[in-house]
Amino acid sequence: MTLEHSVATLNQLLSQRSSCRAFTAEPVPQATLESILTMAQRSASWCNSQPWQIHLTQGDATEQFRDIMQAPAHEDEPGPDFPWPSAYRGVYQDRRRECGLALYDSLGIERGDRVASARQTRENFRFFGAPHVAMITSDQALGVYGAVDCGGYIANLLLAAASHGVAAIAQAALAAHPQRVRDYFGLAPDRLVVCGISLGFAEPGHPANNFRTTRANITTAVQWKGDS
């Protein structure tokens, strides 16, 4: 493979990958899942610590976990292992709002329709109908940098899935109830839940899959220092 081909292939994957919010019930073949996971396992990490652990459901296990995650929250239930953002301000709020409005517009949800928006939010805990969900955890002792390493793994898993024609979405919402995750998968208390990734095949023509988010120009993110 030439350098130009490698660049073009990766750029195509980055450009065409999107978050899937409506899946068919068709399971992904075991060999395909193993190939995706093998590719993602090549992810870089601090000191090659590879802190990620993946708990991947299929078949009846997905349905059981789906039921658990959809159950109402209890007042004494612990919150996420990694705190949610304290606030979205400025451009971050602008981007968040743009994404939400684009999703709601694609689904025909009018602004201010809290019933419909809440119903769509609950789809997170149905895994958007996906036949598989991968829960990503890190070791508590590695702190925030373990989570940073997991972030690199997550990005690579999403690209690996896209390269196989498998749809996916990374979901922070699935980290909202970490004790449910630990209880279901039999995890130790020091395994911290980073997020979940729903996997499967996209439902063709579903409006939730038709919109795309934008990306800022690199000039908003990169500051150069020195002469070229």
Protein backbone atom coordinates (compact mmCIF):
# COMPACT_ATOMS: atom_id res chain seq x y z
CA MET A 1 0.00 0.00 0.00
CA THR A 2 1.39 3.39 -0.96
CA LEU A 3 1.59 6.33 1.41
CA GLU A 4 -1.00 8.18 -0.64
CA HIS A 5 -3.37 5.20 -0.41
CA SER A 6 -2.90 4.95 3.36
CA VAL A 7 -3.65 8.64 3.82
CA ALA A 8 -6.71 8.46 1.58
CA THR A 9 -8.07 5.38 3.34
CA LEU A 10 -7.71 6.83 6.82
CA ASN A 11 -9.12 10.17 5.74
CA GLN A 12 -12.13 8.42 4.22
CA LEU A 13 -12.78 6.49 7.44
CA LEU A 14 -12.49 9.65 9.53
CA SER A 15 -14.77 11.59 7.20
CA GLN A 16 -17.46 8.94 6.74
CA ARG A 17 -17.65 7.51 10.26
CA SER A 18 -20.63 8.74 12.25
CA SER A 19 -22.47 7.90 15.46
CA CYS A 20 -25.28 5.43 14.80
CA ARG A 21 -28.52 6.01 16.73
CA ALA A 22 -30.67 3.29 15.18
CA PHE A 23 -29.49 -0.30 14.70
CA THR A 24 -30.99 -3.42 13.18
CA ALA A 25 -31.22 -6.55 15.32
CA GLU A 26 -28.76 -8.42 13.09
CA PRO A 27 -25.75 -9.56 15.14
CA VAL A 28 -22.21 -8.89 14.00
CA PRO A 29 -20.33 -12.11 13.16
CA GLN A 30 -17.95 -13.24 15.87
CA ALA A 31 -14.95 -13.15 13.52
CA THR A 32 -15.72 -9.54 12.62
CA LEU A 33 -15.98 -8.50 16.27
CA GLU A 34 -12.68 -10.21 17.05
CA SER A 35 -11.01 -8.45 14.12
CA ILE A 36 -12.29 -5.05 15.31
CA LEU A 37 -11.08 -5.70 18.85
CA THR A 38 -7.69 -6.93 17.62
CA MET A 39 -7.20 -3.75 15.61
CA ALA A 40 -8.22 -1.51 18.52
CA GLN A 41 -5.85 -3.37 20.84
CA ARG A 42 -2.94 -1.76 18.95
CA SER A 43 -3.83 1.59 20.56
CA ALA A 44 -1.07 3.60 22.20
CA SER A 45 -1.06 4.10 25.97
CA TRP A 46 1.16 5.67 28.61
CA CYS A 47 4.05 3.27 29.35
CA ASN A 48 2.13 0.74 27.23
CA SER A 49 -0.09 0.18 30.28
CA GLN A 50 -3.13 -0.73 28.13
CA PRO A 51 -5.56 -0.01 30.98
CA TRP A 52 -8.75 -0.74 29.04
CA GLN A 53 -10.89 -3.76 29.75
CA ILE A 54 -13.82 -4.47 27.44
CA HIS A 55 -16.97 -6.36 28.37
CA LEU A 56 -18.89 -7.12 25.18
CA THR A 57 -22.42 -8.48 25.13
CA GLN A 58 -24.18 -10.57 22.53
CA GLY A 59 -27.41 -12.51 22.28
CA ASP A 60 -29.43 -12.87 25.48
CA ALA A 61 -26.73 -11.07 27.46
CA THR A 62 -27.43 -7.87 25.52
CA GLU A 63 -31.15 -8.12 26.25
CA GLN A 64 -30.56 -8.74 29.95
CA PHE A 65 -28.17 -5.80 30.19
CA ARG A 66 -30.58 -3.61 28.22
CA ASP A 67 -33.31 -4.31 30.78
CA ILE A 68 -30.95 -3.51 33.65
CA MET A 69 -29.83 -0.21 32.18
CA GLN A 70 -33.42 0.89 31.44
CA ALA A 71 -34.58 0.36 35.02
CA PRO A 72 -35.45 3.58 36.90
CA ALA A 73 -32.65 5.10 38.96
CA HIS A 74 -32.78 4.93 42.76
CA GLU A 75 -32.07 7.98 44.89
CA ASP A 76 -29.17 6.26 46.65
CA GLU A 77 -27.63 4.93 43.45
CA PRO A 78 -24.04 6.19 42.94
CA GLY A 79 -23.30 8.56 40.10
CA PRO A 80 -20.69 8.17 37.36
CA ASP A 81 -17.15 7.19 38.31
CA PHE A 82 -15.79 10.12 36.30
CA PRO A 83 -17.74 13.33 37.05
CA TRP A 84 -19.79 14.86 34.26
CA PRO A 85 -18.64 18.25 32.93
CA SER A 86 -19.53 20.94 35.46
CA ALA A 87 -20.75 23.21 32.65
CA TYR A 88 -20.70 23.74 28.91
CA ARG A 89 -19.85 27.36 28.14
CA GLY A 90 -19.07 29.44 25.09
CA VAL A 91 -18.16 27.50 21.97
CA TYR A 92 -18.59 24.16 23.78
CA GLN A 93 -22.20 24.97 24.55
CA ASP A 94 -22.67 26.20 20.98
CA ARG A 95 -21.41 22.91 19.55
CA ARG A 96 -23.44 20.85 22.00
CA ARG A 97 -26.59 22.78 21.11
CA GLU A 98 -25.92 22.47 17.38
CA CYS A 99 -25.54 18.70 17.69
CA GLY A 100 -28.72 18.30 19.75
CA LEU A 101 -30.81 20.49 17.48
CA ALA A 102 -29.58 18.66 14.37
CA LEU A 103 -30.61 15.34 15.92
CA TYR A 104 -34.00 16.64 16.97
CA ASP A 105 -34.61 18.23 13.57
CA SER A 106 -33.84 14.93 11.86
CA LEU A 107 -36.38 13.18 14.11
CA GLY A 108 -39.02 15.88 13.83
CA ILE A 109 -38.77 16.79 17.52
CA GLU A 110 -39.79 20.41 18.03
CA ARG A 111 -37.88 22.71 20.34
CA GLY A 112 -39.36 22.64 23.82
CA ASP A 113 -40.94 19.20 23.38
CA ARG A 114 -39.51 17.73 26.55
CA VAL A 115 -41.54 14.53 26.32
CA ALA A 116 -40.12 13.64 22.92
CA SER A 117 -36.59 14.73 23.81
CA ALA A 118 -36.69 12.66 27.01
CA ARG A 119 -37.91 9.67 25.02
CA GLN A 120 -34.96 10.05 22.65
CA THR A 121 -32.55 10.36 25.58
CA ARG A 122 -33.85 7.05 26.95
CA GLU A 123 -32.83 5.41 23.66
CA ASN A 124 -29.28 5.56 25.01
CA PHE A 125 -30.21 2.93 27.58
CA ARG A 126 -31.79 0.74 24.90
CA PHE A 127 -28.43 0.95 23.11
CA PHE A 128 -30.46 2.33 20.19
CA GLY A 129 -31.54 -1.25 19.48
CA ALA A 130 -27.98 -2.51 18.96
CA PRO A 131 -27.30 -6.26 19.28
CA HIS A 132 -23.99 -5.64 21.08
CA VAL A 133 -22.66 -3.20 23.64
CA ALA A 134 -19.05 -2.93 24.80
CA MET A 135 -18.47 -1.45 28.24
CA ILE A 136 -15.05 0.14 28.65
CA THR A 137 -13.44 0.26 32.10
CA SER A 138 -10.12 1.46 33.50
CA ASP A 139 -8.12 0.78 36.66
CA GLN A 140 -8.86 3.22 39.48
CA ALA A 141 -5.18 3.53 40.39
CA LEU A 142 -4.37 4.98 36.96
CA GLY A 143 -6.72 7.90 37.50
CA VAL A 144 -7.52 10.34 34.73
CA TYR A 145 -4.62 9.17 32.57
CA GLY A 146 -6.06 5.68 32.45
CA ALA A 147 -9.24 7.24 31.11
CA VAL A 148 -7.21 9.26 28.58
CA ASP A 149 -5.64 6.03 27.31
CA CYS A 150 -9.11 4.48 27.09
CA GLY A 151 -10.17 7.45 24.99
CA GLY A 152 -7.51 6.59 22.42
CA TYR A 153 -8.70 2.98 22.44
CA ILE A 154 -12.31 4.06 21.96
CA ALA A 155 -11.43 6.24 18.97
CA ASN A 156 -9.54 3.39 17.34
CA LEU A 157 -12.32 0.91 18.01
CA LEU A 158 -14.81 3.22 16.30
CA LEU A 159 -12.54 3.49 13.26
CA ALA A 160 -11.89 -0.25 13.22
CA ALA A 161 -15.63 -0.89 13.30
CA ALA A 162 -16.19 1.56 10.44
CA SER A 163 -13.50 -0.19 8.38
CA HIS A 164 -15.54 -3.41 8.70
CA GLY A 165 -18.84 -1.75 7.79
CA VAL A 166 -20.04 -2.01 11.40
CA ALA A 167 -21.93 0.92 12.90
CA ALA A 168 -21.14 2.17 16.39
CA ILE A 169 -21.70 4.96 18.88
CA ALA A 170 -19.69 5.85 21.98
CA GLN A 171 -22.06 6.63 24.87
CA ALA A 172 -21.12 8.46 28.04
CA ALA A 173 -24.71 7.93 29.18
CA LEU A 174 -23.97 4.26 29.83
CA ALA A 175 -21.47 5.33 32.50
CA ALA A 176 -24.26 7.00 34.47
CA HIS A 177 -24.94 3.85 36.50
CA PRO A 178 -21.50 2.30 37.09
CA GLN A 179 -22.57 -0.03 39.89
CA ARG A 180 -25.10 -1.69 37.60
CA VAL A 181 -22.28 -2.32 35.16
CA ARG A 182 -19.99 -3.74 37.84
CA ASP A 183 -22.75 -5.93 39.25
CA TYR A 184 -23.79 -7.34 35.88
CA PHE A 185 -20.30 -8.11 34.64
CA GLY A 186 -18.91 -9.11 38.04
CA LEU A 187 -16.27 -6.37 38.11
CA ALA A 188 -14.09 -5.39 41.05
CA PRO A 189 -14.79 -2.07 42.79
CA ASP A 190 -11.57 -0.60 41.36
CA ARG A 191 -12.73 -0.98 37.75
CA LEU A 192 -14.06 2.44 36.77
CA VAL A 193 -16.64 2.70 33.99
CA VAL A 194 -15.49 5.07 31.23
CA CYS A 195 -18.31 4.65 28.70
CA GLY A 196 -20.16 2.15 26.56
CA ILE A 197 -20.06 1.56 22.81
CA SER A 198 -23.11 0.15 21.04
CA LEU A 199 -22.28 -1.91 17.96
CA GLY A 200 -24.22 -3.44 15.10
CA PHE A 201 -25.51 -2.58 11.65
CA ALA A 202 -27.19 0.73 10.94
CA GLU A 203 -30.92 0.71 10.23
CA PRO A 204 -31.15 1.98 6.65
CA GLY A 205 -33.10 5.17 6.16
CA HIS A 206 -33.72 5.85 9.84
CA PRO A 207 -33.82 9.64 10.31
CA ALA A 208 -31.59 9.49 13.40
CA ASN A 209 -28.80 8.23 11.16
CA ASN A 210 -29.22 10.86 8.47
CA PHE A 211 -27.72 13.93 10.12
CA ARG A 212 -24.01 14.69 10.52
CA THR A 213 -22.19 16.90 12.98
CA THR A 214 -19.65 19.46 11.83
CA ARG A 215 -16.01 19.87 12.83
CA ALA A 216 -14.22 23.12 13.55
CA ASN A 217 -11.32 24.21 11.37
CA ILE A 218 -7.89 23.37 12.77
CA THR A 219 -7.27 27.10 13.18
CA THR A 220 -9.61 27.02 16.18
CA ALA A 221 -7.67 24.20 17.86
CA VAL A 222 -4.03 24.55 16.82
CA GLN A 223 -1.57 27.30 17.70
CA TRP A 224 1.74 27.30 15.86
CA LYS A 225 4.97 28.55 17.38
CA GLY A 226 8.18 29.01 15.42
CA ASP A 227 9.00 29.40 11.73
CA SER A 228 8.14 26.75 9.16
